Amino acid sequence: MNGIELREVWFKYPGSKEWALRGVSLEIRRGEVLVLVGPNGSGKTTILKLAGGLYRPSRGEVTFWGSNIWEVNGSKRLELRRAVVYVHEKPILLRGTALDNVTFAPLLRGVPREEAIKIAEELLSDTSSAYLSRKDRREMSAGEAQVVSILRAVAAGPKILLLDEPTAHLDREKRVILTNLIGKLRSEGMGIAIATHDHLLALRTADRVVIVENGVVGSVGRPSEILDCC
């Protein structure tokens, strides 16, 4: 398996009597965009967090490149988890500027500072966001902060990128930038899974669309087929 697989995953939040997910099976493959669509509370975010190794399934298993993320030793688990980055719906930025934030990710992976700064500058430039480089996080709009949080995740160089409602705060111009970025990353072999209410984003970016409702995966297929009926 060239990516992440959820196999008959059930999940219940601590203290809850209800299952948040029931028997979910799906794959997130490298070089492909998978979009999860469904109403609030359907389980989309829970699926992404399980796929990112942030939650442990109550039943079933989550595998990263064929290895059960919860059964490998600590160093192997860290190695696998570093290949996957989850971006929260609400941007969470570090102190400092956009450049500081985007540079931080490759630095954390051991990239030399000069190279990390170059990676960050190129990402900001390629997404028409260079104007944010010296802008402090406290001065950014919600949309600008969202773009920076996504670019920081990309700068980490993951094999799989998990985006939770990535267009929530974006205006039309920034949505186009995000759509173009997703296409570029896919062409470079990155796998991307997106949880969203934005059907237009799904139509423009997805290779496969998954309908999630009441903790269960329903229809799966090409966006033109799935979204026409939903």
Protein backbone atom coordinates (compact mmCIF):
# COMPACT_ATOMS: atom_id res chain seq x y z
CA MET A 1 0.00 0.00 0.00
CA ASN A 2 1.53 3.31 -1.12
CA GLY A 3 -0.03 5.49 1.54
CA ILE A 4 -2.47 5.26 4.45
CA GLU A 5 -5.23 2.73 4.87
CA LEU A 6 -8.08 2.59 7.38
CA ARG A 7 -9.37 -0.97 7.74
CA GLU A 8 -12.80 -1.48 9.34
CA VAL A 9 -12.14 1.38 11.75
CA TRP A 10 -14.56 2.12 14.56
CA PHE A 11 -14.02 5.08 16.85
CA LYS A 12 -15.70 6.38 19.98
CA TYR A 13 -14.65 9.55 21.81
CA PRO A 14 -13.82 9.10 25.52
CA GLY A 15 -16.94 9.40 27.65
CA SER A 16 -19.29 9.11 24.67
CA LYS A 17 -21.81 6.31 24.27
CA GLU A 18 -22.15 6.89 20.53
CA TRP A 19 -19.81 5.70 17.81
CA ALA A 20 -18.25 8.60 15.89
CA LEU A 21 -17.16 6.19 13.14
CA ARG A 22 -18.50 2.74 12.28
CA GLY A 23 -16.61 0.29 10.09
CA VAL A 24 -14.79 2.86 7.97
CA SER A 25 -12.44 1.49 5.31
CA LEU A 26 -10.63 3.75 2.83
CA GLU A 27 -7.22 4.49 1.33
CA ILE A 28 -5.26 7.72 0.97
CA ARG A 29 -2.77 7.15 -1.81
CA ARG A 30 0.28 9.10 -2.90
CA GLY A 31 -0.21 11.10 -6.09
CA GLU A 32 -3.97 11.33 -5.53
CA VAL A 33 -6.44 13.80 -4.04
CA LEU A 34 -9.18 12.26 -1.89
CA VAL A 35 -11.98 14.57 -0.75
CA LEU A 36 -14.31 13.76 2.14
CA VAL A 37 -17.70 15.47 1.91
CA GLY A 38 -20.50 15.40 4.45
CA PRO A 39 -22.46 17.46 7.00
CA ASN A 40 -21.05 18.77 10.27
CA GLY A 41 -20.55 15.95 12.74
CA SER A 42 -20.52 13.28 10.04
CA GLY A 43 -17.03 12.06 10.94
CA LYS A 44 -14.84 13.75 8.31
CA THR A 45 -12.42 15.38 10.76
CA THR A 46 -12.28 12.22 12.88
CA ILE A 47 -11.22 10.25 9.79
CA LEU A 48 -8.41 12.74 9.06
CA LYS A 49 -7.15 12.63 12.64
CA LEU A 50 -7.14 8.84 12.62
CA ALA A 51 -5.32 8.92 9.28
CA GLY A 52 -2.76 11.28 10.80
CA GLY A 53 -2.10 9.04 13.79
CA LEU A 54 -3.54 11.66 16.15
CA TYR A 55 -6.33 9.34 17.34
CA ARG A 56 -6.10 5.62 17.99
CA PRO A 57 -8.98 3.55 16.62
CA SER A 58 -11.29 1.81 19.07
CA ARG A 59 -11.47 -1.12 16.64
CA GLY A 60 -9.83 -1.90 13.33
CA GLU A 61 -6.43 -0.65 12.24
CA VAL A 62 -4.70 2.25 10.54
CA THR A 63 -1.65 1.40 8.46
CA PHE A 64 1.05 3.69 7.08
CA TRP A 65 2.71 2.05 4.10
CA GLY A 66 1.55 -1.34 5.31
CA SER A 67 2.64 -0.90 8.96
CA ASN A 68 0.09 -0.59 11.75
CA ILE A 69 0.98 2.80 13.20
CA TRP A 70 -0.03 1.70 16.71
CA GLU A 71 1.90 -1.58 16.72
CA VAL A 72 5.37 -0.41 15.64
CA ASN A 73 7.99 0.79 18.13
CA GLY A 74 8.41 4.44 19.10
CA SER A 75 11.15 5.40 16.66
CA LYS A 76 9.41 3.69 13.73
CA ARG A 77 6.11 5.32 14.66
CA LEU A 78 7.78 8.74 14.72
CA GLU A 79 9.32 8.08 11.31
CA LEU A 80 5.94 7.12 9.84
CA ARG A 81 4.04 9.97 11.46
CA ARG A 82 6.54 12.50 10.14
CA ALA A 83 5.56 11.44 6.62
CA VAL A 84 2.04 12.73 7.30
CA VAL A 85 0.98 16.26 8.27
CA TYR A 86 -2.49 17.32 9.44
CA VAL A 87 -3.61 20.95 9.06
CA HIS A 88 -6.33 22.08 11.47
CA GLU A 89 -9.37 24.02 10.25
CA LYS A 90 -8.52 26.89 12.61
CA PRO A 91 -5.04 28.22 11.80
CA ILE A 92 -2.58 27.86 14.68
CA LEU A 93 0.54 29.92 14.04
CA LEU A 94 3.75 30.30 16.01
CA ARG A 95 5.01 33.66 17.19
CA GLY A 96 6.65 35.75 14.51
CA THR A 97 6.17 36.31 10.80
CA ALA A 98 4.88 34.15 7.99
CA LEU A 99 8.47 33.44 6.97
CA ASP A 100 9.29 32.36 10.54
CA ASN A 101 6.33 29.98 10.54
CA VAL A 102 6.97 28.38 7.16
CA THR A 103 10.71 28.09 7.86
CA PHE A 104 10.03 26.33 11.15
CA ALA A 105 8.73 23.15 9.50
CA PRO A 106 11.85 22.16 7.53
CA LEU A 107 14.04 23.27 10.46
CA LEU A 108 12.14 20.81 12.64
CA ARG A 109 12.99 18.08 10.11
CA GLY A 110 16.69 18.86 10.40
CA VAL A 111 17.07 20.95 7.25
CA PRO A 112 19.89 23.53 7.54
CA ARG A 113 18.61 27.07 8.23
CA GLU A 114 19.73 28.57 4.92
CA GLU A 115 18.01 25.82 2.95
CA ALA A 116 14.90 26.00 5.16
CA ILE A 117 14.60 29.73 4.53
CA LYS A 118 14.96 29.14 0.79
CA ILE A 119 12.19 26.51 0.86
CA ALA A 120 9.91 28.91 2.74
CA GLU A 121 10.64 31.86 0.48
CA GLU A 122 9.96 29.82 -2.66
CA LEU A 123 6.65 28.52 -1.30
CA LEU A 124 5.51 32.01 -0.35
CA SER A 125 6.59 33.37 -3.72
CA ASP A 126 5.03 30.55 -5.77
CA THR A 127 1.67 31.09 -4.07
CA SER A 128 1.64 34.89 -4.47
CA SER A 129 2.13 35.17 -0.72
CA ALA A 130 5.58 36.80 -0.61
CA TYR A 131 3.94 39.97 0.71
CA LEU A 132 3.25 38.04 3.93
CA SER A 133 6.90 37.15 4.55
CA ARG A 134 7.56 39.90 7.10
CA LYS A 135 4.00 40.17 8.36
CA ASP A 136 3.53 39.20 12.01
CA ARG A 137 0.88 36.59 12.76
CA ARG A 138 -1.05 39.13 14.87
CA GLU A 139 -1.50 41.32 11.80
CA MET A 140 -2.79 38.59 9.50
CA SER A 141 -6.38 38.07 8.45
CA ALA A 142 -7.95 34.65 9.05
CA GLY A 143 -7.45 33.81 5.38
CA GLU A 144 -3.79 34.84 5.41
CA ALA A 145 -3.19 32.78 8.55
CA GLN A 146 -4.84 29.79 6.89
CA VAL A 147 -2.59 30.07 3.84
CA VAL A 148 0.50 30.30 6.05
CA SER A 149 -0.53 27.25 8.09
CA ILE A 150 -0.98 25.23 4.89
CA LEU A 151 2.37 26.40 3.47
CA ARG A 152 4.08 25.50 6.75
CA ALA A 153 2.70 21.97 6.42
CA VAL A 154 3.86 21.72 2.80
CA ALA A 155 7.33 22.97 3.79
CA ALA A 156 7.69 19.95 6.08
CA GLY A 157 7.80 17.79 2.94
CA PRO A 158 5.16 15.21 3.87
CA LYS A 159 4.24 12.27 1.68
CA ILE A 160 0.60 12.69 2.72
CA LEU A 161 -1.06 16.03 3.50
CA LEU A 162 -4.35 16.14 5.44
CA LEU A 163 -6.38 19.35 5.12
CA ASP A 164 -9.39 20.06 7.32
CA GLU A 165 -11.76 22.62 5.71
CA PRO A 166 -8.86 24.42 3.98
CA THR A 167 -11.06 27.01 2.22
CA ALA A 168 -13.03 28.01 5.33
CA HIS A 169 -11.47 31.50 5.56
CA LEU A 170 -10.28 32.01 2.00
CA ASP A 171 -11.51 34.58 -0.49
CA ARG A 172 -11.85 33.77 -4.19
CA GLU A 173 -8.25 34.69 -5.03
CA LYS A 174 -6.79 32.53 -2.29
CA ARG A 175 -9.07 29.62 -3.24
CA VAL A 176 -7.58 29.70 -6.73
CA ILE A 177 -4.07 29.73 -5.22
CA LEU A 178 -4.94 26.73 -3.03
CA THR A 179 -6.46 24.82 -5.96
CA ASN A 180 -3.32 25.39 -8.03
CA LEU A 181 -1.09 24.37 -5.12
CA ILE A 182 -3.02 21.12 -4.61
CA GLY A 183 -2.65 20.27 -8.31
CA LYS A 184 1.09 20.95 -8.20
CA LEU A 185 1.62 18.84 -5.09
CA ARG A 186 -0.34 15.94 -6.57
CA SER A 187 1.75 16.08 -9.76
CA GLU A 188 4.87 15.83 -7.58
CA GLY A 189 3.56 12.63 -5.97
CA MET A 190 2.11 13.90 -2.72
CA GLY A 191 -1.10 12.34 -1.47
CA ILE A 192 -3.74 14.77 -0.22
CA ALA A 193 -6.91 14.12 1.76
CA ILE A 194 -9.34 16.99 2.29
CA ALA A 195 -12.37 17.26 4.55
CA THR A 196 -14.65 20.00 3.22
CA HIS A 197 -18.13 21.38 2.61
CA ASP A 198 -16.76 23.07 -0.51
CA HIS A 199 -18.14 21.05 -3.43
CA LEU A 200 -16.44 23.35 -5.93
CA LEU A 201 -13.04 22.54 -4.40
CA ALA A 202 -13.91 18.85 -4.65
CA LEU A 203 -14.93 19.15 -8.29
CA ARG A 204 -11.76 21.02 -9.20
CA THR A 205 -9.21 18.96 -7.29
CA ALA A 206 -10.46 15.47 -6.38
CA ASP A 207 -9.55 12.19 -8.01
CA ARG A 208 -12.01 10.47 -5.68
CA VAL A 209 -14.83 11.83 -3.52
CA VAL A 210 -16.09 10.03 -0.41
CA ILE A 211 -19.47 10.84 1.11
CA VAL A 212 -19.40 10.53 4.93
CA GLU A 213 -22.61 10.58 6.93
CA ASN A 214 -23.38 9.50 10.50
CA GLY A 215 -19.91 8.00 10.90
CA VAL A 216 -20.23 5.75 7.87
CA VAL A 217 -18.60 5.93 4.44
CA GLY A 218 -21.22 5.92 1.72
CA SER A 219 -20.63 6.56 -1.96
CA VAL A 220 -17.10 6.65 -3.35
CA GLY A 221 -16.21 7.67 -6.88
CA ARG A 222 -15.25 10.39 -9.31
CA PRO A 223 -16.42 13.87 -8.26
CA SER A 224 -18.71 14.36 -11.28
CA GLU A 225 -20.52 11.13 -10.42
CA ILE A 226 -20.76 11.56 -6.65
CA LEU A 227 -21.46 15.26 -6.32
CA ASP A 228 -24.15 15.31 -9.02
CA CYS A 229 -26.36 13.22 -6.80
CA CYS A 230 -25.58 14.82 -3.41
